[in-house]
Amino acid sequence: MIYLDEAAVRAVLHWDDLVAAMEDALGRFSTGGVQQPVRTVLTVGNDAGFFGVMPAIAETVMGLKSVCFYPRNAGTEHPTHMAVVLLFDSKTGEPLAAMDGRLITEMRTAAVSAAVTKRLAKQESRILGLLGSGVQAQAHLEVLSELYEFGEVRVWSRTPEHAQRFAREHGAKATDAQSAVRDADIVVVATSSQEPVLRGSWLKPGAHVNAVGACRPTWRELDDVAMRNLVVVDSRGAAHAESGDVIQSKAEIYAEAGELFAGTKPSRPSETTVFKSLGLAIEDVASAKLVYDRSKEMAVR
């Protein structure tokens, strides 16, 4: 069994391959080709952090991610998310690799959003609004910029200095939340907020939203008005168990992302759409398999 640190993961993980791998993995998930439970999450101390265990089995590979989520780490030297992914051969049970999962979590989250955005956003989208200015905002900007030619990128953060720094580094415009969303074609909500930061009344008709925070049943990023639009999730089971945005708004779920990828549900880019992402074990395992395969190819060269 080999160990791959974050530098080794970064050397082989690229957006085009990863987006395609996420489409395939989620398509298999939604058509019954993946076995995985809703993740187990333990609370650490007095809500200081959360420790999650996420196993999944697919046809040729299986594995699990152990992930720590410490919201209070935001703005410190420690990431809010840290993880390790273990990869096994599903035919023999042989351990194949252990690898750092922080970057995998960051990139696969954005890659899934990008894959869904391709199905639900208009191809002529030119304005991107970012609510949040952390690693997920940056990752989403990177991957979405490979799909769309944005003429304007706006960013908001609860900490204005963070938004201003992000704007300087990425050629964006720092603004208030409502101004970031108004008339935006694509909106990314990537915060650690436990209360809504996006109001549905701000969205223009036909906008697409990727919401990747608020991963607990009592947490919200989007208000009820936003959740009355066409809602896509990564997993119905996970959404009904973990997503405060879905649970508290009693939102009707149109489809899983994998149903769009597998073609069992039609895409509806003419409508205002919301993708509520929680993150699935199969995304991590499929990403780890991609890293493992690319690492072996590089070793042969």
C-alpha atoms as a PDB file:
ATOM      1  CA  MET A   1       0.000   0.000   0.000  1.00  0.00           C
ATOM      2  CA  ILE A   2       1.291   3.437  -0.918  1.00  0.00           C
ATOM      3  CA  TYR A   3       0.749   6.823   0.727  1.00  0.00           C
ATOM      4  CA  LEU A   4       0.208   9.949  -1.363  1.00  0.00           C
ATOM      5  CA  ASP A   5       0.498  13.326   0.331  1.00  0.00           C
ATOM      6  CA  GLU A   6      -1.236  16.502  -0.855  1.00  0.00           C
ATOM      7  CA  ALA A   7       1.617  17.437  -3.191  1.00  0.00           C
ATOM      8  CA  ALA A   8       1.393  14.030  -4.883  1.00  0.00           C
ATOM      9  CA  VAL A   9      -2.382  14.391  -5.226  1.00  0.00           C
ATOM     10  CA  ARG A  10      -2.061  17.882  -6.685  1.00  0.00           C
ATOM     11  CA  ALA A  11       0.477  16.682  -9.257  1.00  0.00           C
ATOM     12  CA  VAL A  12      -1.981  14.299 -10.932  1.00  0.00           C
ATOM     13  CA  LEU A  13      -5.478  15.664 -10.257  1.00  0.00           C
ATOM     14  CA  HIS A  14      -6.762  17.878 -13.078  1.00  0.00           C
ATOM     15  CA  TRP A  15     -10.146  19.456 -13.675  1.00  0.00           C
ATOM     16  CA  ASP A  16     -11.091  17.859 -16.986  1.00  0.00           C
ATOM     17  CA  ASP A  17     -10.434  14.299 -15.818  1.00  0.00           C
ATOM     18  CA  LEU A  18     -12.031  14.955 -12.441  1.00  0.00           C
ATOM     19  CA  VAL A  19     -15.253  16.454 -13.817  1.00  0.00           C
ATOM     20  CA  ALA A  20     -15.662  13.448 -16.110  1.00  0.00           C
ATOM     21  CA  ALA A  21     -14.963  11.045 -13.229  1.00  0.00           C
ATOM     22  CA  MET A  22     -17.596  12.760 -11.063  1.00  0.00           C
ATOM     23  CA  GLU A  23     -20.196  12.512 -13.822  1.00  0.00           C
ATOM     24  CA  ASP A  24     -19.501   8.799 -14.177  1.00  0.00           C
ATOM     25  CA  ALA A  25     -19.456   8.108 -10.425  1.00  0.00           C
ATOM     26  CA  LEU A  26     -22.683   9.968  -9.700  1.00  0.00           C
ATOM     27  CA  GLY A  27     -24.388   8.447 -12.717  1.00  0.00           C
ATOM     28  CA  ARG A  28     -23.547   5.020 -11.319  1.00  0.00           C
ATOM     29  CA  PHE A  29     -24.709   6.086  -7.856  1.00  0.00           C
ATOM     30  CA  SER A  30     -28.130   7.180  -9.094  1.00  0.00           C
ATOM     31  CA  THR A  31     -28.636   4.049 -11.207  1.00  0.00           C
ATOM     32  CA  GLY A  32     -27.827   1.580  -8.432  1.00  0.00           C
ATOM     33  CA  GLY A  33     -24.183   0.858  -9.215  1.00  0.00           C
ATOM     34  CA  VAL A  34     -22.814   2.103  -5.900  1.00  0.00           C
ATOM     35  CA  GLN A  35     -23.320   0.872  -2.358  1.00  0.00           C
ATOM     36  CA  GLN A  36     -22.937   3.510   0.321  1.00  0.00           C
ATOM     37  CA  PRO A  37     -24.763   4.658   3.459  1.00  0.00           C
ATOM     38  CA  VAL A  38     -25.384   8.228   4.517  1.00  0.00           C
ATOM     39  CA  ARG A  39     -22.187   9.256   6.275  1.00  0.00           C
ATOM     40  CA  THR A  40     -21.742   8.806   9.999  1.00  0.00           C
ATOM     41  CA  VAL A  41     -20.976  12.092  11.749  1.00  0.00           C
ATOM     42  CA  LEU A  42     -19.832  12.456  15.366  1.00  0.00           C
ATOM     43  CA  THR A  43     -19.755  15.792  17.157  1.00  0.00           C
ATOM     44  CA  VAL A  44     -16.416  16.652  18.760  1.00  0.00           C
ATOM     45  CA  GLY A  45     -16.602  18.385  22.120  1.00  0.00           C
ATOM     46  CA  ASN A  46     -19.065  21.236  22.463  1.00  0.00           C
ATOM     47  CA  ASP A  47     -19.664  21.597  18.716  1.00  0.00           C
ATOM     48  CA  ALA A  48     -15.974  22.371  18.264  1.00  0.00           C
ATOM     49  CA  GLY A  49     -15.873  20.113  15.233  1.00  0.00           C
ATOM     50  CA  PHE A  50     -17.315  17.121  13.443  1.00  0.00           C
ATOM     51  CA  PHE A  51     -15.749  13.773  12.569  1.00  0.00           C
ATOM     52  CA  GLY A  52     -17.251  11.939   9.610  1.00  0.00           C
ATOM     53  CA  VAL A  53     -16.762   8.451   8.173  1.00  0.00           C
ATOM     54  CA  MET A  54     -17.801   7.915   4.548  1.00  0.00           C
ATOM     55  CA  PRO A  55     -17.483   4.420   2.959  1.00  0.00           C
ATOM     56  CA  ALA A  56     -18.501   3.425  -0.576  1.00  0.00           C
ATOM     57  CA  ILE A  57     -18.264   0.356  -2.814  1.00  0.00           C
ATOM     58  CA  ALA A  58     -18.353   0.423  -6.613  1.00  0.00           C
ATOM     59  CA  GLU A  59     -17.729  -2.321  -9.158  1.00  0.00           C
ATOM     60  CA  THR A  60     -13.932  -2.154  -9.297  1.00  0.00           C
ATOM     61  CA  VAL A  61     -12.971  -0.117  -6.269  1.00  0.00           C
ATOM     62  CA  MET A  62     -14.019   0.625  -2.736  1.00  0.00           C
ATOM     63  CA  GLY A  63     -12.821   2.881   0.018  1.00  0.00           C
ATOM     64  CA  LEU A  64     -13.659   5.367   2.679  1.00  0.00           C
ATOM     65  CA  LYS A  65     -12.902   8.891   3.704  1.00  0.00           C
ATOM     66  CA  SER A  66     -12.370   9.954   7.298  1.00  0.00           C
ATOM     67  CA  VAL A  67     -12.936  13.683   7.457  1.00  0.00           C
ATOM     68  CA  CYS A  68     -12.689  16.333  10.167  1.00  0.00           C
ATOM     69  CA  PHE A  69     -14.727  19.520   9.798  1.00  0.00           C
ATOM     70  CA  TYR A  70     -13.758  22.314  12.182  1.00  0.00           C
ATOM     71  CA  PRO A  71     -15.573  25.543  11.193  1.00  0.00           C
ATOM     72  CA  ARG A  72     -13.682  27.489  13.853  1.00  0.00           C
ATOM     73  CA  ASN A  73     -10.447  26.917  11.937  1.00  0.00           C
ATOM     74  CA  ALA A  74     -11.552  29.475   9.332  1.00  0.00           C
ATOM     75  CA  GLY A  75      -8.978  32.252   9.183  1.00  0.00           C
ATOM     76  CA  THR A  76      -6.348  30.246  11.099  1.00  0.00           C
ATOM     77  CA  GLU A  77      -3.351  28.218   9.950  1.00  0.00           C
ATOM     78  CA  HIS A  78      -5.494  25.060   9.981  1.00  0.00           C
ATOM     79  CA  PRO A  79      -7.969  24.210   7.183  1.00  0.00           C
ATOM     80  CA  THR A  80     -11.632  23.826   8.095  1.00  0.00           C
ATOM     81  CA  HIS A  81     -11.633  20.420   6.345  1.00  0.00           C
ATOM     82  CA  MET A  82      -8.933  17.766   6.767  1.00  0.00           C
ATOM     83  CA  ALA A  83      -9.244  14.177   5.615  1.00  0.00           C
ATOM     84  CA  VAL A  84      -7.631  10.875   4.704  1.00  0.00           C
ATOM     85  CA  VAL A  85      -8.943   8.604   1.948  1.00  0.00           C
ATOM     86  CA  LEU A  86      -8.285   4.838   2.010  1.00  0.00           C
ATOM     87  CA  LEU A  87      -8.576   2.909  -1.249  1.00  0.00           C
ATOM     88  CA  PHE A  88      -9.090  -0.868  -1.648  1.00  0.00           C
ATOM     89  CA  ASP A  89      -9.464  -3.315  -4.518  1.00  0.00           C
ATOM     90  CA  SER A  90     -13.108  -4.428  -4.329  1.00  0.00           C
ATOM     91  CA  LYS A  91     -12.371  -7.799  -5.965  1.00  0.00           C
ATOM     92  CA  THR A  92      -9.694  -8.927  -3.522  1.00  0.00           C
ATOM     93  CA  GLY A  93      -9.970  -6.539  -0.576  1.00  0.00           C
ATOM     94  CA  GLU A  94      -6.326  -5.564  -1.054  1.00  0.00           C
ATOM     95  CA  PRO A  95      -5.435  -2.154   0.410  1.00  0.00           C
ATOM     96  CA  LEU A  96      -4.126  -0.035  -2.467  1.00  0.00           C
ATOM     97  CA  ALA A  97      -3.428   3.423  -1.098  1.00  0.00           C
ATOM     98  CA  ALA A  98      -3.918   5.968   1.620  1.00  0.00           C
ATOM     99  CA  MET A  99      -3.871   9.593   0.569  1.00  0.00           C
ATOM    100  CA  ASP A 100      -4.399  13.069   1.885  1.00  0.00           C
ATOM    101  CA  GLY A 101      -8.048  13.972   1.370  1.00  0.00           C
ATOM    102  CA  ARG A 102      -8.098  17.734   1.917  1.00  0.00           C
ATOM    103  CA  LEU A 103      -7.372  18.646  -1.687  1.00  0.00           C
ATOM    104  CA  ILE A 104      -9.552  15.800  -2.965  1.00  0.00           C
ATOM    105  CA  THR A 105     -12.464  17.193  -0.936  1.00  0.00           C
ATOM    106  CA  GLU A 106     -11.830  20.699  -2.238  1.00  0.00           C
ATOM    107  CA  MET A 107     -11.529  19.725  -5.891  1.00  0.00           C
ATOM    108  CA  ARG A 108     -14.196  17.041  -6.149  1.00  0.00           C
ATOM    109  CA  THR A 109     -16.759  19.389  -4.568  1.00  0.00           C
ATOM    110  CA  ALA A 110     -16.102  22.033  -7.201  1.00  0.00           C
ATOM    111  CA  ALA A 111     -15.905  19.443  -9.989  1.00  0.00           C
ATOM    112  CA  VAL A 112     -19.356  18.079  -9.121  1.00  0.00           C
ATOM    113  CA  SER A 113     -20.757  21.618  -9.129  1.00  0.00           C
ATOM    114  CA  ALA A 114     -19.165  22.209 -12.526  1.00  0.00           C
ATOM    115  CA  ALA A 115     -20.664  19.031 -13.946  1.00  0.00           C
ATOM    116  CA  VAL A 116     -24.128  20.014 -12.714  1.00  0.00           C
ATOM    117  CA  THR A 117     -23.681  23.602 -13.900  1.00  0.00           C
ATOM    118  CA  LYS A 118     -22.990  22.329 -17.422  1.00  0.00           C
ATOM    119  CA  ARG A 119     -26.445  20.713 -17.393  1.00  0.00           C
ATOM    120  CA  LEU A 120     -28.423  23.508 -15.737  1.00  0.00           C
ATOM    121  CA  ALA A 121     -26.812  26.879 -16.505  1.00  0.00           C
ATOM    122  CA  LYS A 122     -27.058  28.710 -19.799  1.00  0.00           C
ATOM    123  CA  GLN A 123     -23.976  28.370 -21.996  1.00  0.00           C
ATOM    124  CA  GLU A 124     -23.921  32.143 -22.513  1.00  0.00           C
ATOM    125  CA  SER A 125     -23.515  32.753 -18.750  1.00  0.00           C
ATOM    126  CA  ARG A 126     -21.161  35.694 -18.219  1.00  0.00           C
ATOM    127  CA  ILE A 127     -21.614  36.913 -14.623  1.00  0.00           C
ATOM    128  CA  LEU A 128     -20.494  34.826 -11.628  1.00  0.00           C
ATOM    129  CA  GLY A 129     -21.454  35.689  -8.055  1.00  0.00           C
ATOM    130  CA  LEU A 130     -19.552  34.152  -5.138  1.00  0.00           C
ATOM    131  CA  LEU A 131     -20.907  34.210  -1.593  1.00  0.00           C
ATOM    132  CA  GLY A 132     -17.863  33.162   0.393  1.00  0.00           C
ATOM    133  CA  SER A 133     -14.183  33.814  -0.267  1.00  0.00           C
ATOM    134  CA  GLY A 134     -12.447  30.660   0.969  1.00  0.00           C
ATOM    135  CA  VAL A 135     -10.985  27.602  -0.736  1.00  0.00           C
ATOM    136  CA  GLN A 136     -14.308  26.518  -2.214  1.00  0.00           C
ATOM    137  CA  ALA A 137     -14.904  29.931  -3.767  1.00  0.00           C
ATOM    138  CA  GLN A 138     -11.455  29.744  -5.343  1.00  0.00           C
ATOM    139  CA  ALA A 139     -11.897  26.152  -6.549  1.00  0.00           C
ATOM    140  CA  HIS A 140     -15.301  26.926  -8.065  1.00  0.00           C
ATOM    141  CA  LEU A 141     -13.918  30.005  -9.795  1.00  0.00           C
ATOM    142  CA  GLU A 142     -11.082  27.926 -11.263  1.00  0.00           C
ATOM    143  CA  VAL A 143     -13.182  25.093 -12.646  1.00  0.00           C
ATOM    144  CA  LEU A 144     -16.138  27.206 -13.784  1.00  0.00           C
ATOM    145  CA  SER A 145     -13.773  29.558 -15.611  1.00  0.00           C
ATOM    146  CA  GLU A 146     -12.734  26.584 -17.751  1.00  0.00           C
ATOM    147  CA  LEU A 147     -16.362  26.193 -18.854  1.00  0.00           C
ATOM    148  CA  TYR A 148     -17.542  29.792 -19.143  1.00  0.00           C
ATOM    149  CA  GLU A 149     -16.025  33.099 -20.253  1.00  0.00           C
ATOM    150  CA  PHE A 150     -16.974  35.324 -17.359  1.00  0.00           C
ATOM    151  CA  GLY A 151     -16.955  39.027 -18.046  1.00  0.00           C
ATOM    152  CA  GLU A 152     -17.545  39.822 -14.387  1.00  0.00           C
ATOM    153  CA  VAL A 153     -16.882  38.007 -11.113  1.00  0.00           C
ATOM    154  CA  ARG A 154     -18.301  39.366  -7.854  1.00  0.00           C
ATOM    155  CA  VAL A 155     -17.440  38.173  -4.358  1.00  0.00           C
ATOM    156  CA  TRP A 156     -18.903  38.717  -0.899  1.00  0.00           C
ATOM    157  CA  SER A 157     -17.713  37.562   2.513  1.00  0.00           C
ATOM    158  CA  ARG A 158     -18.900  38.163   6.069  1.00  0.00           C
ATOM    159  CA  THR A 159     -15.386  39.489   6.583  1.00  0.00           C
ATOM    160  CA  PRO A 160     -14.987  42.328   4.041  1.00  0.00           C
ATOM    161  CA  GLU A 161     -11.201  42.144   4.197  1.00  0.00           C
ATOM    162  CA  HIS A 162     -11.326  38.545   2.982  1.00  0.00           C
ATOM    163  CA  ALA A 163     -13.532  39.474   0.033  1.00  0.00           C
ATOM    164  CA  GLN A 164     -11.248  42.374  -0.867  1.00  0.00           C
ATOM    165  CA  ARG A 165      -8.185  40.123  -0.756  1.00  0.00           C
ATOM    166  CA  PHE A 166      -9.936  37.512  -2.926  1.00  0.00           C
ATOM    167  CA  ALA A 167     -10.950  40.243  -5.373  1.00  0.00           C
ATOM    168  CA  ARG A 168      -7.382  41.518  -5.676  1.00  0.00           C
ATOM    169  CA  GLU A 169      -5.952  38.045  -6.202  1.00  0.00           C
ATOM    170  CA  HIS A 170      -8.536  36.895  -8.756  1.00  0.00           C
ATOM    171  CA  GLY A 171      -9.612  40.003 -10.620  1.00  0.00           C
ATOM    172  CA  ALA A 172     -13.051  40.031  -8.998  1.00  0.00           C
ATOM    173  CA  LYS A 173     -15.178  42.808  -7.510  1.00  0.00           C
ATOM    174  CA  ALA A 174     -15.828  42.794  -3.751  1.00  0.00           C
ATOM    175  CA  THR A 175     -19.365  43.824  -2.904  1.00  0.00           C
ATOM    176  CA  ASP A 176     -22.305  43.174  -0.607  1.00  0.00           C
ATOM    177  CA  ALA A 177     -24.204  39.880  -0.867  1.00  0.00           C
ATOM    178  CA  GLN A 178     -27.228  41.224  -2.701  1.00  0.00           C
ATOM    179  CA  SER A 179     -25.121  43.055  -5.273  1.00  0.00           C
ATOM    180  CA  ALA A 180     -23.029  39.907  -5.824  1.00  0.00           C
ATOM    181  CA  VAL A 181     -26.159  37.930  -6.711  1.00  0.00           C
ATOM    182  CA  ARG A 182     -28.289  40.486  -8.617  1.00  0.00           C
ATOM    183  CA  ASP A 183     -28.290  39.694 -12.375  1.00  0.00           C
ATOM    184  CA  ALA A 184     -25.651  36.955 -11.905  1.00  0.00           C
ATOM    185  CA  ASP A 185     -26.019  33.999 -14.259  1.00  0.00           C
ATOM    186  CA  ILE A 186     -24.269  31.556 -11.915  1.00  0.00           C
ATOM    187  CA  VAL A 187     -24.052  31.882  -8.135  1.00  0.00           C
ATOM    188  CA  VAL A 188     -21.847  29.853  -5.784  1.00  0.00           C
ATOM    189  CA  VAL A 189     -22.721  29.805  -2.075  1.00  0.00           C
ATOM    190  CA  ALA A 190     -19.764  28.401  -0.136  1.00  0.00           C
ATOM    191  CA  THR A 191     -19.892  29.595   3.452  1.00  0.00           C
ATOM    192  CA  SER A 192     -19.861  28.226   6.973  1.00  0.00           C
ATOM    193  CA  SER A 193     -23.048  30.144   7.754  1.00  0.00           C
ATOM    194  CA  GLN A 194     -25.807  28.551   9.790  1.00  0.00           C
ATOM    195  CA  GLU A 195     -28.404  31.106   8.627  1.00  0.00           C
ATOM    196  CA  PRO A 196     -29.462  32.032   5.077  1.00  0.00           C
ATOM    197  CA  VAL A 197     -27.086  34.356   3.241  1.00  0.00           C
ATOM    198  CA  LEU A 198     -28.805  34.032  -0.154  1.00  0.00           C
ATOM    199  CA  ARG A 199     -32.305  35.411  -0.659  1.00  0.00           C
ATOM    200  CA  GLY A 200     -34.273  33.886  -3.492  1.00  0.00           C
ATOM    201  CA  SER A 201     -35.718  37.281  -4.340  1.00  0.00           C
ATOM    202  CA  TRP A 202     -32.231  38.375  -5.451  1.00  0.00           C
ATOM    203  CA  LEU A 203     -31.986  35.710  -8.172  1.00  0.00           C
ATOM    204  CA  LYS A 204     -32.745  36.617 -11.734  1.00  0.00           C
ATOM    205  CA  PRO A 205     -34.996  34.210 -13.682  1.00  0.00           C
ATOM    206  CA  GLY A 206     -32.910  31.420 -15.199  1.00  0.00           C
ATOM    207  CA  ALA A 207     -29.977  31.790 -12.794  1.00  0.00           C
ATOM    208  CA  HIS A 208     -28.220  28.686 -11.496  1.00  0.00           C
ATOM    209  CA  VAL A 209     -27.034  28.311  -7.875  1.00  0.00           C
ATOM    210  CA  ASN A 210     -24.428  25.894  -6.525  1.00  0.00           C
ATOM    211  CA  ALA A 211     -24.793  25.710  -2.718  1.00  0.00           C
ATOM    212  CA  VAL A 212     -22.022  23.683  -1.080  1.00  0.00           C
ATOM    213  CA  GLY A 213     -22.101  24.724   2.606  1.00  0.00           C
ATOM    214  CA  ALA A 214     -24.711  24.186   5.363  1.00  0.00           C
ATOM    215  CA  CYS A 215     -24.131  20.440   5.713  1.00  0.00           C
ATOM    216  CA  ARG A 216     -26.055  19.955   8.966  1.00  0.00           C
ATOM    217  CA  PRO A 217     -29.827  19.533   9.467  1.00  0.00           C
ATOM    218  CA  THR A 218     -30.141  22.792  11.432  1.00  0.00           C
ATOM    219  CA  TRP A 219     -27.911  24.928   9.175  1.00  0.00           C
ATOM    220  CA  ARG A 220     -29.088  27.067   6.260  1.00  0.00           C
ATOM    221  CA  GLU A 221     -27.432  29.013   3.434  1.00  0.00           C
ATOM    222  CA  LEU A 222     -30.510  29.585   1.274  1.00  0.00           C
ATOM    223  CA  ASP A 223     -33.903  30.959   2.263  1.00  0.00           C
ATOM    224  CA  ASP A 224     -37.242  29.310   1.499  1.00  0.00           C
ATOM    225  CA  VAL A 225     -37.802  31.459  -1.594  1.00  0.00           C
ATOM    226  CA  ALA A 226     -34.554  30.216  -3.141  1.00  0.00           C
ATOM    227  CA  MET A 227     -35.485  26.619  -2.324  1.00  0.00           C
ATOM    228  CA  ARG A 228     -38.811  26.921  -4.191  1.00  0.00           C
ATOM    229  CA  ASN A 229     -36.914  26.802  -7.459  1.00  0.00           C
ATOM    230  CA  LEU A 230     -35.972  23.602  -9.286  1.00  0.00           C
ATOM    231  CA  VAL A 231     -33.769  21.730  -6.797  1.00  0.00           C
ATOM    232  CA  VAL A 232     -31.143  19.112  -7.661  1.00  0.00           C
ATOM    233  CA  VAL A 233     -29.168  17.244  -4.978  1.00  0.00           C
ATOM    234  CA  ASP A 234     -26.298  14.775  -5.016  1.00  0.00           C
ATOM    235  CA  SER A 235     -28.300  12.259  -2.954  1.00  0.00           C
ATOM    236  CA  ARG A 236     -31.950  12.327  -1.906  1.00  0.00           C
ATOM    237  CA  GLY A 237     -31.165  10.219   1.147  1.00  0.00           C
ATOM    238  CA  ALA A 238     -28.353  12.502   2.260  1.00  0.00           C
ATOM    239  CA  ALA A 239     -30.370  15.649   1.560  1.00  0.00           C
ATOM    240  CA  HIS A 240     -33.311  14.496   3.659  1.00  0.00           C
ATOM    241  CA  ALA A 241     -30.965  13.487   6.499  1.00  0.00           C
ATOM    242  CA  GLU A 242     -28.371  16.273   6.462  1.00  0.00           C
ATOM    243  CA  SER A 243     -29.423  19.365   4.519  1.00  0.00           C
ATOM    244  CA  GLY A 244     -31.065  22.069   6.602  1.00  0.00           C
ATOM    245  CA  ASP A 245     -31.840  23.915   3.381  1.00  0.00           C
ATOM    246  CA  VAL A 246     -33.918  20.971   2.129  1.00  0.00           C
ATOM    247  CA  ILE A 247     -35.339  19.806   5.460  1.00  0.00           C
ATOM    248  CA  GLN A 248     -36.444  23.155   6.844  1.00  0.00           C
ATOM    249  CA  SER A 249     -37.817  24.533   3.582  1.00  0.00           C
ATOM    250  CA  LYS A 250     -39.602  21.241   2.783  1.00  0.00           C
ATOM    251  CA  ALA A 251     -38.245  21.662  -0.731  1.00  0.00           C
ATOM    252  CA  GLU A 252     -39.337  19.356  -3.516  1.00  0.00           C
ATOM    253  CA  ILE A 253     -36.336  17.616  -5.064  1.00  0.00           C
ATOM    254  CA  TYR A 254     -36.473  17.421  -8.847  1.00  0.00           C
ATOM    255  CA  ALA A 255     -33.526  15.081  -9.394  1.00  0.00           C
ATOM    256  CA  GLU A 256     -30.212  13.755  -8.210  1.00  0.00           C
ATOM    257  CA  ALA A 257     -27.204  14.984 -10.139  1.00  0.00           C
ATOM    258  CA  GLY A 258     -26.520  11.411 -11.245  1.00  0.00           C
ATOM    259  CA  GLU A 259     -29.956  11.220 -12.859  1.00  0.00           C
ATOM    260  CA  LEU A 260     -29.026  14.184 -15.044  1.00  0.00           C
ATOM    261  CA  PHE A 261     -25.706  12.560 -15.960  1.00  0.00           C
ATOM    262  CA  ALA A 262     -27.300   9.166 -16.667  1.00  0.00           C
ATOM    263  CA  GLY A 263     -30.041  10.776 -18.773  1.00  0.00           C
ATOM    264  CA  THR A 264     -32.903   9.441 -16.655  1.00  0.00           C
ATOM    265  CA  LYS A 265     -34.042  12.992 -15.842  1.00  0.00           C
ATOM    266  CA  PRO A 266     -33.921  15.820 -18.412  1.00  0.00           C
ATOM    267  CA  SER A 267     -31.894  18.963 -17.743  1.00  0.00           C
ATOM    268  CA  ARG A 268     -33.960  22.151 -17.552  1.00  0.00           C
ATOM    269  CA  PRO A 269     -31.565  25.084 -18.106  1.00  0.00           C
ATOM    270  CA  SER A 270     -34.389  27.504 -18.910  1.00  0.00           C
ATOM    271  CA  GLU A 271     -35.512  27.469 -15.258  1.00  0.00           C
ATOM    272  CA  THR A 272     -34.013  28.991 -12.120  1.00  0.00           C
ATOM    273  CA  THR A 273     -32.130  26.086 -10.551  1.00  0.00           C
ATOM    274  CA  VAL A 274     -30.436  25.198  -7.272  1.00  0.00           C
ATOM    275  CA  PHE A 275     -27.876  22.427  -6.798  1.00  0.00           C
ATOM    276  CA  LYS A 276     -27.642  21.545  -3.107  1.00  0.00           C
ATOM    277  CA  SER A 277     -24.365  19.681  -2.641  1.00  0.00           C
ATOM    278  CA  LEU A 278     -23.487  17.727   0.497  1.00  0.00           C
ATOM    279  CA  GLY A 279     -20.647  15.563  -0.800  1.00  0.00           C
ATOM    280  CA  LEU A 280     -20.758  11.785  -1.189  1.00  0.00           C
ATOM    281  CA  ALA A 281     -18.298   9.030  -0.354  1.00  0.00           C
ATOM    282  CA  ILE A 282     -18.337   7.769  -3.946  1.00  0.00           C
ATOM    283  CA  GLU A 283     -17.041  11.163  -5.072  1.00  0.00           C
ATOM    284  CA  ASP A 284     -14.027  10.767  -2.792  1.00  0.00           C
ATOM    285  CA  VAL A 285     -13.433   7.127  -3.705  1.00  0.00           C
ATOM    286  CA  ALA A 286     -13.702   7.806  -7.451  1.00  0.00           C
ATOM    287  CA  SER A 287     -11.346  10.790  -7.074  1.00  0.00           C
ATOM    288  CA  ALA A 288      -8.885   8.649  -5.109  1.00  0.00           C
ATOM    289  CA  LYS A 289      -9.019   5.959  -7.801  1.00  0.00           C
ATOM    290  CA  LEU A 290      -8.235   8.604 -10.417  1.00  0.00           C
ATOM    291  CA  VAL A 291      -5.284   9.828  -8.341  1.00  0.00           C
ATOM    292  CA  TYR A 292      -4.063   6.265  -7.797  1.00  0.00           C
ATOM    293  CA  ASP A 293      -4.253   5.373 -11.501  1.00  0.00           C
ATOM    294  CA  ARG A 294      -2.540   8.590 -12.649  1.00  0.00           C
ATOM    295  CA  SER A 295       0.190   8.131 -10.020  1.00  0.00           C
ATOM    296  CA  LYS A 296       0.912   4.609 -11.289  1.00  0.00           C
ATOM    297  CA  GLU A 297       1.077   5.910 -14.863  1.00  0.00           C
ATOM    298  CA  MET A 298       3.584   8.574 -13.854  1.00  0.00           C
ATOM    299  CA  ALA A 299       5.685   5.997 -11.996  1.00  0.00           C
ATOM    300  CA  VAL A 300       5.887   3.854 -15.144  1.00  0.00           C
ATOM    301  CA  ARG A 301       7.115   6.816 -17.178  1.00  0.00           C
END
